[in-house]
Amino acid sequence: MVVPLYCQTQRGRVFRVLRSSALVAPDRMRFTLRATPILIGSDDAGLEVAREYTTSEVRDKIVNHQAIPTPEETFEQLWQQLRLELDAHYA
């Protein structure tokens, strides 16, 4: 699944979806999806969902032979979360 550039809520509101990832500390990576409403003159900041991974988290997964989520898998999980939050918030 690919995170789309735009999305529409069940009520018909349209949002631009911005995707970003950044190293926020030497041992932390942050993945973020932000939905910004497409309305001229709107004061609505939209919604944002994020997930952070630490190096210790990743090391624990390696030691325990667990799968480490790829950036794409992380954005897919964030996309599902964002869709639910958009529909709940803008219902």
PDB file of N, CA and C in Angstrom:
ATOM      1  N   MET A   1       0.847  -1.182   0.000  1.00  0.00           N
ATOM      2  CA  MET A   1       0.000   0.000   0.000  1.00  0.00           C
ATOM      3  C   MET A   1       0.891   1.243   0.000  1.00  0.00           C
ATOM      4  N   VAL A   2       0.480   2.231  -0.731  1.00  0.00           N
ATOM      5  CA  VAL A   2       1.186   3.504  -0.791  1.00  0.00           C
ATOM      6  C   VAL A   2       0.290   4.564  -0.154  1.00  0.00           C
ATOM      7  N   VAL A   3       0.865   5.404   0.677  1.00  0.00           N
ATOM      8  CA  VAL A   3       0.107   6.483   1.292  1.00  0.00           C
ATOM      9  C   VAL A   3      -0.191   7.519   0.211  1.00  0.00           C
ATOM     10  N   PRO A   4      -1.477   7.849   0.014  1.00  0.00           N
ATOM     11  CA  PRO A   4      -1.830   8.805  -1.047  1.00  0.00           C
ATOM     12  C   PRO A   4      -1.459  10.243  -0.684  1.00  0.00           C
ATOM     13  N   LEU A   5      -1.404  11.101  -1.698  1.00  0.00           N
ATOM     14  CA  LEU A   5      -1.110  12.516  -1.465  1.00  0.00           C
ATOM     15  C   LEU A   5      -2.316  13.270  -0.913  1.00  0.00           C
ATOM     16  N   TYR A   6      -3.515  12.782  -1.242  1.00  0.00           N
ATOM     17  CA  TYR A   6      -4.753  13.413  -0.804  1.00  0.00           C
ATOM     18  C   TYR A   6      -5.689  12.339  -0.273  1.00  0.00           C
ATOM     19  N   CYS A   7      -6.594  12.734   0.628  1.00  0.00           N
ATOM     20  CA  CYS A   7      -7.613  11.798   1.095  1.00  0.00           C
ATOM     21  C   CYS A   7      -8.906  12.555   1.351  1.00  0.00           C
ATOM     22  N   GLN A   8      -9.981  11.808   1.423  1.00  0.00           N
ATOM     23  CA  GLN A   8     -11.304  12.385   1.642  1.00  0.00           C
ATOM     24  C   GLN A   8     -11.976  11.631   2.787  1.00  0.00           C
ATOM     25  N   THR A   9     -12.553  12.373   3.736  1.00  0.00           N
ATOM     26  CA  THR A   9     -13.253  11.735   4.840  1.00  0.00           C
ATOM     27  C   THR A   9     -14.604  11.224   4.361  1.00  0.00           C
ATOM     28  N   GLN A  10     -15.265  10.476   5.220  1.00  0.00           N
ATOM     29  CA  GLN A  10     -16.591   9.966   4.880  1.00  0.00           C
ATOM     30  C   GLN A  10     -17.591  11.097   4.664  1.00  0.00           C
ATOM     31  N   ARG A  11     -17.346  12.240   5.300  1.00  0.00           N
ATOM     32  CA  ARG A  11     -18.236  13.406   5.146  1.00  0.00           C
ATOM     33  C   ARG A  11     -17.871  14.277   3.955  1.00  0.00           C
ATOM     34  N   GLY A  12     -16.799  13.907   3.233  1.00  0.00           N
ATOM     35  CA  GLY A  12     -16.458  14.624   2.014  1.00  0.00           C
ATOM     36  C   GLY A  12     -15.368  15.678   2.123  1.00  0.00           C
ATOM     37  N   ARG A  13     -14.796  15.884   3.308  1.00  0.00           N
ATOM     38  CA  ARG A  13     -13.705  16.862   3.443  1.00  0.00           C
ATOM     39  C   ARG A  13     -12.433  16.308   2.814  1.00  0.00           C
ATOM     40  N   VAL A  14     -11.706  17.163   2.126  1.00  0.00           N
ATOM     41  CA  VAL A  14     -10.491  16.748   1.420  1.00  0.00           C
ATOM     42  C   VAL A  14      -9.264  17.276   2.159  1.00  0.00           C
ATOM     43  N   PHE A  15      -8.261  16.423   2.264  1.00  0.00           N
ATOM     44  CA  PHE A  15      -7.031  16.748   2.983  1.00  0.00           C
ATOM     45  C   PHE A  15      -5.816  16.417   2.139  1.00  0.00           C
ATOM     46  N   ARG A  16      -4.778  17.208   2.302  1.00  0.00           N
ATOM     47  CA  ARG A  16      -3.465  16.923   1.718  1.00  0.00           C
ATOM     48  C   ARG A  16      -2.711  16.128   2.768  1.00  0.00           C
ATOM     49  N   VAL A  17      -2.091  15.027   2.371  1.00  0.00           N
ATOM     50  CA  VAL A  17      -1.356  14.173   3.312  1.00  0.00           C
ATOM     51  C   VAL A  17       0.141  14.385   3.107  1.00  0.00           C
ATOM     52  N   LEU A  18       0.805  14.825   4.170  1.00  0.00           N
ATOM     53  CA  LEU A  18       2.246  15.063   4.129  1.00  0.00           C
ATOM     54  C   LEU A  18       2.945  13.992   4.951  1.00  0.00           C
ATOM     55  N   ARG A  19       3.969  13.443   4.382  1.00  0.00           N
ATOM     56  CA  ARG A  19       4.694  12.335   4.996  1.00  0.00           C
ATOM     57  C   ARG A  19       6.115  12.802   5.288  1.00  0.00           C
ATOM     58  N   SER A  20       6.604  12.515   6.508  1.00  0.00           N
ATOM     59  CA  SER A  20       7.982  12.907   6.820  1.00  0.00           C
ATOM     60  C   SER A  20       8.610  11.919   7.792  1.00  0.00           C
ATOM     61  N   SER A  21       9.920  11.891   7.761  1.00  0.00           N
ATOM     62  CA  SER A  21      10.684  11.109   8.727  1.00  0.00           C
ATOM     63  C   SER A  21      11.937  11.905   9.046  1.00  0.00           C
ATOM     64  N   ALA A  22      12.355  11.816  10.299  1.00  0.00           N
ATOM     65  CA  ALA A  22      13.520  12.593  10.718  1.00  0.00           C
ATOM     66  C   ALA A  22      14.197  11.929  11.904  1.00  0.00           C
ATOM     67  N   LEU A  23      15.480  12.109  11.969  1.00  0.00           N
ATOM     68  CA  LEU A  23      16.257  11.681  13.119  1.00  0.00           C
ATOM     69  C   LEU A  23      16.110  12.795  14.157  1.00  0.00           C
ATOM     70  N   VAL A  24      15.387  12.536  15.260  1.00  0.00           N
ATOM     71  CA  VAL A  24      15.099  13.582  16.239  1.00  0.00           C
ATOM     72  C   VAL A  24      16.084  13.578  17.404  1.00  0.00           C
ATOM     73  N   ALA A  25      16.873  12.565  17.494  1.00  0.00           N
ATOM     74  CA  ALA A  25      17.935  12.456  18.494  1.00  0.00           C
ATOM     75  C   ALA A  25      18.912  11.417  17.960  1.00  0.00           C
ATOM     76  N   PRO A  26      20.093  11.346  18.520  1.00  0.00           N
ATOM     77  CA  PRO A  26      21.056  10.356  18.010  1.00  0.00           C
ATOM     78  C   PRO A  26      20.543   8.918  18.062  1.00  0.00           C
ATOM     79  N   ASP A  27      19.582   8.654  18.940  1.00  0.00           N
ATOM     80  CA  ASP A  27      19.075   7.287  19.064  1.00  0.00           C
ATOM     81  C   ASP A  27      17.580   7.150  18.782  1.00  0.00           C
ATOM     82  N   ARG A  28      16.961   8.170  18.130  1.00  0.00           N
ATOM     83  CA  ARG A  28      15.513   8.132  17.868  1.00  0.00           C
ATOM     84  C   ARG A  28      15.173   8.584  16.462  1.00  0.00           C
ATOM     85  N   MET A  29      14.285   7.820  15.807  1.00  0.00           N
ATOM     86  CA  MET A  29      13.779   8.151  14.473  1.00  0.00           C
ATOM     87  C   MET A  29      12.276   8.373  14.587  1.00  0.00           C
ATOM     88  N   ARG A  30      11.779   9.461  14.002  1.00  0.00           N
ATOM     89  CA  ARG A  30      10.348   9.798  14.074  1.00  0.00           C
ATOM     90  C   ARG A  30       9.743   9.783  12.671  1.00  0.00           C
ATOM     91  N   PHE A  31       8.626   9.060  12.538  1.00  0.00           N
ATOM     92  CA  PHE A  31       7.859   8.998  11.300  1.00  0.00           C
ATOM     93  C   PHE A  31       6.538   9.720  11.547  1.00  0.00           C
ATOM     94  N   THR A  32       6.147  10.603  10.612  1.00  0.00           N
ATOM     95  CA  THR A  32       4.959  11.431  10.811  1.00  0.00           C
ATOM     96  C   THR A  32       4.112  11.493   9.544  1.00  0.00           C
ATOM     97  N   LEU A  33       2.786  11.429   9.736  1.00  0.00           N
ATOM     98  CA  LEU A  33       1.821  11.722   8.669  1.00  0.00           C
ATOM     99  C   LEU A  33       0.953  12.865   9.167  1.00  0.00           C
ATOM    100  N   ARG A  34       0.787  13.891   8.341  1.00  0.00           N
ATOM    101  CA  ARG A  34      -0.055  15.037   8.697  1.00  0.00           C
ATOM    102  C   ARG A  34      -1.095  15.233   7.606  1.00  0.00           C
ATOM    103  N   ALA A  35      -2.346  15.358   8.023  1.00  0.00           N
ATOM    104  CA  ALA A  35      -3.450  15.641   7.100  1.00  0.00           C
ATOM    105  C   ALA A  35      -3.841  17.103   7.285  1.00  0.00           C
ATOM    106  N   THR A  36      -3.665  17.904   6.237  1.00  0.00           N
ATOM    107  CA  THR A  36      -3.977  19.326   6.269  1.00  0.00           C
ATOM    108  C   THR A  36      -5.193  19.580   5.387  1.00  0.00           C
ATOM    109  N   PRO A  37      -6.246  20.203   5.937  1.00  0.00           N
ATOM    110  CA  PRO A  37      -7.450  20.445   5.136  1.00  0.00           C
ATOM    111  C   PRO A  37      -7.171  21.380   3.964  1.00  0.00           C
ATOM    112  N   ILE A  38      -7.851  21.110   2.862  1.00  0.00           N
ATOM    113  CA  ILE A  38      -7.737  21.962   1.683  1.00  0.00           C
ATOM    114  C   ILE A  38      -8.958  22.869   1.664  1.00  0.00           C
ATOM    115  N   LEU A  39      -8.828  23.985   2.363  1.00  0.00           N
ATOM    116  CA  LEU A  39      -9.880  24.994   2.433  1.00  0.00           C
ATOM    117  C   LEU A  39      -9.209  26.361   2.446  1.00  0.00           C
ATOM    118  N   ILE A  40      -9.642  27.242   1.594  1.00  0.00           N
ATOM    119  CA  ILE A  40      -9.085  28.591   1.567  1.00  0.00           C
ATOM    120  C   ILE A  40      -9.572  29.342   2.803  1.00  0.00           C
ATOM    121  N   GLY A  41      -8.652  29.937   3.509  1.00  0.00           N
ATOM    122  CA  GLY A  41      -8.991  30.711   4.688  1.00  0.00           C
ATOM    123  C   GLY A  41      -9.335  29.895   5.923  1.00  0.00           C
ATOM    124  N   SER A  42      -9.004  28.631   5.939  1.00  0.00           N
ATOM    125  CA  SER A  42      -9.312  27.777   7.083  1.00  0.00           C
ATOM    126  C   SER A  42      -8.266  27.939   8.185  1.00  0.00           C
ATOM    127  N   ASP A  43      -8.726  27.971   9.430  1.00  0.00           N
ATOM    128  CA  ASP A  43      -7.825  28.019  10.581  1.00  0.00           C
ATOM    129  C   ASP A  43      -7.505  26.620  11.101  1.00  0.00           C
ATOM    130  N   ASP A  44      -8.121  25.613  10.525  1.00  0.00           N
ATOM    131  CA  ASP A  44      -7.952  24.233  10.968  1.00  0.00           C
ATOM    132  C   ASP A  44      -6.552  23.736  10.618  1.00  0.00           C
ATOM    133  N   ALA A  45      -5.823  23.288  11.622  1.00  0.00           N
ATOM    134  CA  ALA A  45      -4.454  22.801  11.410  1.00  0.00           C
ATOM    135  C   ALA A  45      -4.428  21.354  10.924  1.00  0.00           C
ATOM    136  N   GLY A  46      -5.556  20.662  10.994  1.00  0.00           N
ATOM    137  CA  GLY A  46      -5.596  19.269  10.574  1.00  0.00           C
ATOM    138  C   GLY A  46      -5.170  18.344  11.707  1.00  0.00           C
ATOM    139  N   LEU A  47      -4.772  17.143  11.329  1.00  0.00           N
ATOM    140  CA  LEU A  47      -4.374  16.138  12.312  1.00  0.00           C
ATOM    141  C   LEU A  47      -3.006  15.571  11.957  1.00  0.00           C
ATOM    142  N   GLU A  48      -2.316  15.098  12.989  1.00  0.00           N
ATOM    143  CA  GLU A  48      -1.006  14.489  12.784  1.00  0.00           C
ATOM    144  C   GLU A  48      -0.907  13.229  13.630  1.00  0.00           C
ATOM    145  N   VAL A  49      -0.344  12.179  13.052  1.00  0.00           N
ATOM    146  CA  VAL A  49      -0.034  10.959  13.794  1.00  0.00           C
ATOM    147  C   VAL A  49       1.454  10.690  13.610  1.00  0.00           C
ATOM    148  N   ALA A  50       2.064  10.120  14.635  1.00  0.00           N
ATOM    149  CA  ALA A  50       3.509   9.897  14.575  1.00  0.00           C
ATOM    150  C   ALA A  50       3.879   8.618  15.310  1.00  0.00           C
ATOM    151  N   ARG A  51       5.036   8.100  14.948  1.00  0.00           N
ATOM    152  CA  ARG A  51       5.594   6.916  15.614  1.00  0.00           C
ATOM    153  C   ARG A  51       7.096   7.112  15.709  1.00  0.00           C
ATOM    154  N   GLU A  52       7.649   6.860  16.879  1.00  0.00           N
ATOM    155  CA  GLU A  52       9.094   6.961  17.068  1.00  0.00           C
ATOM    156  C   GLU A  52       9.659   5.590  17.387  1.00  0.00           C
ATOM    157  N   TYR A  53      10.845   5.344  16.858  1.00  0.00           N
ATOM    158  CA  TYR A  53      11.582   4.127  17.168  1.00  0.00           C
ATOM    159  C   TYR A  53      12.910   4.527  17.785  1.00  0.00           C
ATOM    160  N   THR A  54      13.322   3.809  18.813  1.00  0.00           N
ATOM    161  CA  THR A  54      14.625   4.044  19.421  1.00  0.00           C
ATOM    162  C   THR A  54      15.570   2.917  19.024  1.00  0.00           C
ATOM    163  N   THR A  55      16.856   3.187  19.118  1.00  0.00           N
ATOM    164  CA  THR A  55      17.826   2.143  18.780  1.00  0.00           C
ATOM    165  C   THR A  55      17.720   0.964  19.744  1.00  0.00           C
ATOM    166  N   SER A  56      17.397   1.231  21.001  1.00  0.00           N
ATOM    167  CA  SER A  56      17.255   0.118  21.957  1.00  0.00           C
ATOM    168  C   SER A  56      16.062  -0.767  21.601  1.00  0.00           C
ATOM    169  N   GLU A  57      14.989  -0.162  21.106  1.00  0.00           N
ATOM    170  CA  GLU A  57      13.827  -0.933  20.645  1.00  0.00           C
ATOM    171  C   GLU A  57      14.219  -1.866  19.501  1.00  0.00           C
ATOM    172  N   VAL A  58      14.947  -1.318  18.548  1.00  0.00           N
ATOM    173  CA  VAL A  58      15.374  -2.104  17.387  1.00  0.00           C
ATOM    174  C   VAL A  58      16.329  -3.208  17.825  1.00  0.00           C
ATOM    175  N   ARG A  59      17.266  -2.894  18.713  1.00  0.00           N
ATOM    176  CA  ARG A  59      18.199  -3.920  19.216  1.00  0.00           C
ATOM    177  C   ARG A  59      17.456  -5.051  19.901  1.00  0.00           C
ATOM    178  N   ASP A  60      16.442  -4.712  20.720  1.00  0.00           N
ATOM    179  CA  ASP A  60      15.647  -5.743  21.400  1.00  0.00           C
ATOM    180  C   ASP A  60      14.957  -6.662  20.398  1.00  0.00           C
ATOM    181  N   LYS A  61      14.431  -6.073  19.330  1.00  0.00           N
ATOM    182  CA  LYS A  61      13.773  -6.890  18.303  1.00  0.00           C
ATOM    183  C   LYS A  61      14.770  -7.823  17.628  1.00  0.00           C
ATOM    184  N   ILE A  62      15.977  -7.337  17.379  1.00  0.00           N
ATOM    185  CA  ILE A  62      17.007  -8.173  16.756  1.00  0.00           C
ATOM    186  C   ILE A  62      17.384  -9.323  17.688  1.00  0.00           C
ATOM    187  N   VAL A  63      17.610  -9.023  18.956  1.00  0.00           N
ATOM    188  CA  VAL A  63      17.985 -10.050  19.934  1.00  0.00           C
ATOM    189  C   VAL A  63      16.895 -11.109  20.060  1.00  0.00           C
ATOM    190  N   ASN A  64      15.639 -10.680  20.016  1.00  0.00           N
ATOM    191  CA  ASN A  64      14.516 -11.613  20.168  1.00  0.00           C
ATOM    192  C   ASN A  64      14.021 -12.189  18.846  1.00  0.00           C
ATOM    193  N   HIS A  65      14.789 -11.961  17.775  1.00  0.00           N
ATOM    194  CA  HIS A  65      14.454 -12.499  16.439  1.00  0.00           C
ATOM    195  C   HIS A  65      13.063 -12.074  15.982  1.00  0.00           C
ATOM    196  N   GLN A  66      12.708 -10.813  16.243  1.00  0.00           N
ATOM    197  CA  GLN A  66      11.429 -10.265  15.813  1.00  0.00           C
ATOM    198  C   GLN A  66      11.638  -9.397  14.578  1.00  0.00           C
ATOM    199  N   ALA A  67      10.572  -9.249  13.821  1.00  0.00           N
ATOM    200  CA  ALA A  67      10.644  -8.422  12.614  1.00  0.00           C
ATOM    201  C   ALA A  67      10.760  -6.945  12.983  1.00  0.00           C
ATOM    202  N   ILE A  68      11.599  -6.246  12.252  1.00  0.00           N
ATOM    203  CA  ILE A  68      11.747  -4.802  12.421  1.00  0.00           C
ATOM    204  C   ILE A  68      10.938  -4.139  11.317  1.00  0.00           C
ATOM    205  N   PRO A  69       9.976  -3.288  11.671  1.00  0.00           N
ATOM    206  CA  PRO A  69       9.145  -2.664  10.635  1.00  0.00           C
ATOM    207  C   PRO A  69       9.973  -1.770   9.702  1.00  0.00           C
ATOM    208  N   THR A  70       9.696  -1.879   8.423  1.00  0.00           N
ATOM    209  CA  THR A  70      10.344  -1.009   7.451  1.00  0.00           C
ATOM    210  C   THR A  70       9.675   0.367   7.517  1.00  0.00           C
ATOM    211  N   PRO A  71      10.308   1.390   6.969  1.00  0.00           N
ATOM    212  CA  PRO A  71       9.637   2.691   6.929  1.00  0.00           C
ATOM    213  C   PRO A  71       8.273   2.617   6.224  1.00  0.00           C
ATOM    214  N   GLU A  72       8.183   1.853   5.145  1.00  0.00           N
ATOM    215  CA  GLU A  72       6.895   1.728   4.435  1.00  0.00           C
ATOM    216  C   GLU A  72       5.827   1.101   5.309  1.00  0.00           C
ATOM    217  N   GLU A  73       6.188   0.063   6.057  1.00  0.00           N
ATOM    218  CA  GLU A  73       5.220  -0.568   6.959  1.00  0.00           C
ATOM    219  C   GLU A  73       4.782   0.410   8.049  1.00  0.00           C
ATOM    220  N   THR A  74       5.720   1.191   8.537  1.00  0.00           N
ATOM    221  CA  THR A  74       5.394   2.187   9.564  1.00  0.00           C
ATOM    222  C   THR A  74       4.415   3.221   9.013  1.00  0.00           C
ATOM    223  N   PHE A  75       4.667   3.723   7.790  1.00  0.00           N
ATOM    224  CA  PHE A  75       3.752   4.697   7.189  1.00  0.00           C
ATOM    225  C   PHE A  75       2.388   4.078   6.895  1.00  0.00           C
ATOM    226  N   GLU A  76       2.337   2.801   6.535  1.00  0.00           N
ATOM    227  CA  GLU A  76       1.049   2.135   6.314  1.00  0.00           C
ATOM    228  C   GLU A  76       0.251   2.080   7.612  1.00  0.00           C
ATOM    229  N   GLN A  77       0.924   1.748   8.725  1.00  0.00           N
ATOM    230  CA  GLN A  77       0.241   1.718  10.018  1.00  0.00           C
ATOM    231  C   GLN A  77      -0.243   3.115  10.407  1.00  0.00           C
ATOM    232  N   LEU A  78       0.592   4.110  10.179  1.00  0.00           N
ATOM    233  CA  LEU A  78       0.193   5.492  10.475  1.00  0.00           C
ATOM    234  C   LEU A  78      -0.979   5.919   9.595  1.00  0.00           C
ATOM    235  N   TRP A  79      -0.992   5.497   8.341  1.00  0.00           N
ATOM    236  CA  TRP A  79      -2.072   5.844   7.426  1.00  0.00           C
ATOM    237  C   TRP A  79      -3.401   5.284   7.928  1.00  0.00           C
ATOM    238  N   GLN A  80      -3.394   4.031   8.379  1.00  0.00           N
ATOM    239  CA  GLN A  80      -4.621   3.431   8.916  1.00  0.00           C
ATOM    240  C   GLN A  80      -5.103   4.203  10.143  1.00  0.00           C
ATOM    241  N   GLN A  81      -4.172   4.561  11.019  1.00  0.00           N
ATOM    242  CA  GLN A  81      -4.506   5.325  12.215  1.00  0.00           C
ATOM    243  C   GLN A  81      -5.045   6.714  11.853  1.00  0.00           C
ATOM    244  N   LEU A  82      -4.409   7.368  10.894  1.00  0.00           N
ATOM    245  CA  LEU A  82      -4.831   8.706  10.481  1.00  0.00           C
ATOM    246  C   LEU A  82      -6.232   8.681   9.884  1.00  0.00           C
ATOM    247  N   ARG A  83      -6.524   7.701   9.051  1.00  0.00           N
ATOM    248  CA  ARG A  83      -7.874   7.595   8.456  1.00  0.00           C
ATOM    249  C   ARG A  83      -8.943   7.478   9.539  1.00  0.00           C
ATOM    250  N   LEU A  84      -8.693   6.626  10.534  1.00  0.00           N
ATOM    251  CA  LEU A  84      -9.661   6.463  11.612  1.00  0.00           C
ATOM    252  C   LEU A  84      -9.849   7.760  12.400  1.00  0.00           C
ATOM    253  N   GLU A  85      -8.739   8.439  12.689  1.00  0.00           N
ATOM    254  CA  GLU A  85      -8.818   9.684  13.451  1.00  0.00           C
ATOM    255  C   GLU A  85      -9.490  10.810  12.654  1.00  0.00           C
ATOM    256  N   LEU A  86      -9.242  10.870  11.362  1.00  0.00           N
ATOM    257  CA  LEU A  86      -9.905  11.877  10.529  1.00  0.00           C
ATOM    258  C   LEU A  86     -11.405  11.668  10.504  1.00  0.00           C
ATOM    259  N   ASP A  87     -11.831  10.420  10.290  1.00  0.00           N
ATOM    260  CA  ASP A  87     -13.268  10.136  10.236  1.00  0.00           C
ATOM    261  C   ASP A  87     -13.938  10.397  11.592  1.00  0.00           C
ATOM    262  N   ALA A  88     -13.233  10.105  12.685  1.00  0.00           N
ATOM    263  CA  ALA A  88     -13.801  10.343  14.011  1.00  0.00           C
ATOM    264  C   ALA A  88     -13.848  11.845  14.321  1.00  0.00           C
ATOM    265  N   HIS A  89     -12.792  12.555  13.984  1.00  0.00           N
ATOM    266  CA  HIS A  89     -12.693  13.984  14.319  1.00  0.00           C
ATOM    267  C   HIS A  89     -13.609  14.854  13.457  1.00  0.00           C
ATOM    268  N   TYR A  90     -13.754  14.488  12.187  1.00  0.00           N
ATOM    269  CA  TYR A  90     -14.533  15.321  11.257  1.00  0.00           C
ATOM    270  C   TYR A  90     -15.878  14.708  10.909  1.00  0.00           C
ATOM    271  N   ALA A  91     -16.409  13.883  11.812  1.00  0.00           N
ATOM    272  CA  ALA A  91     -17.733  13.237  11.582  1.00  0.00           C
ATOM    273  C   ALA A  91     -18.858  14.220  11.788  1.00  0.00           C
TER     274      ALA A  91
END
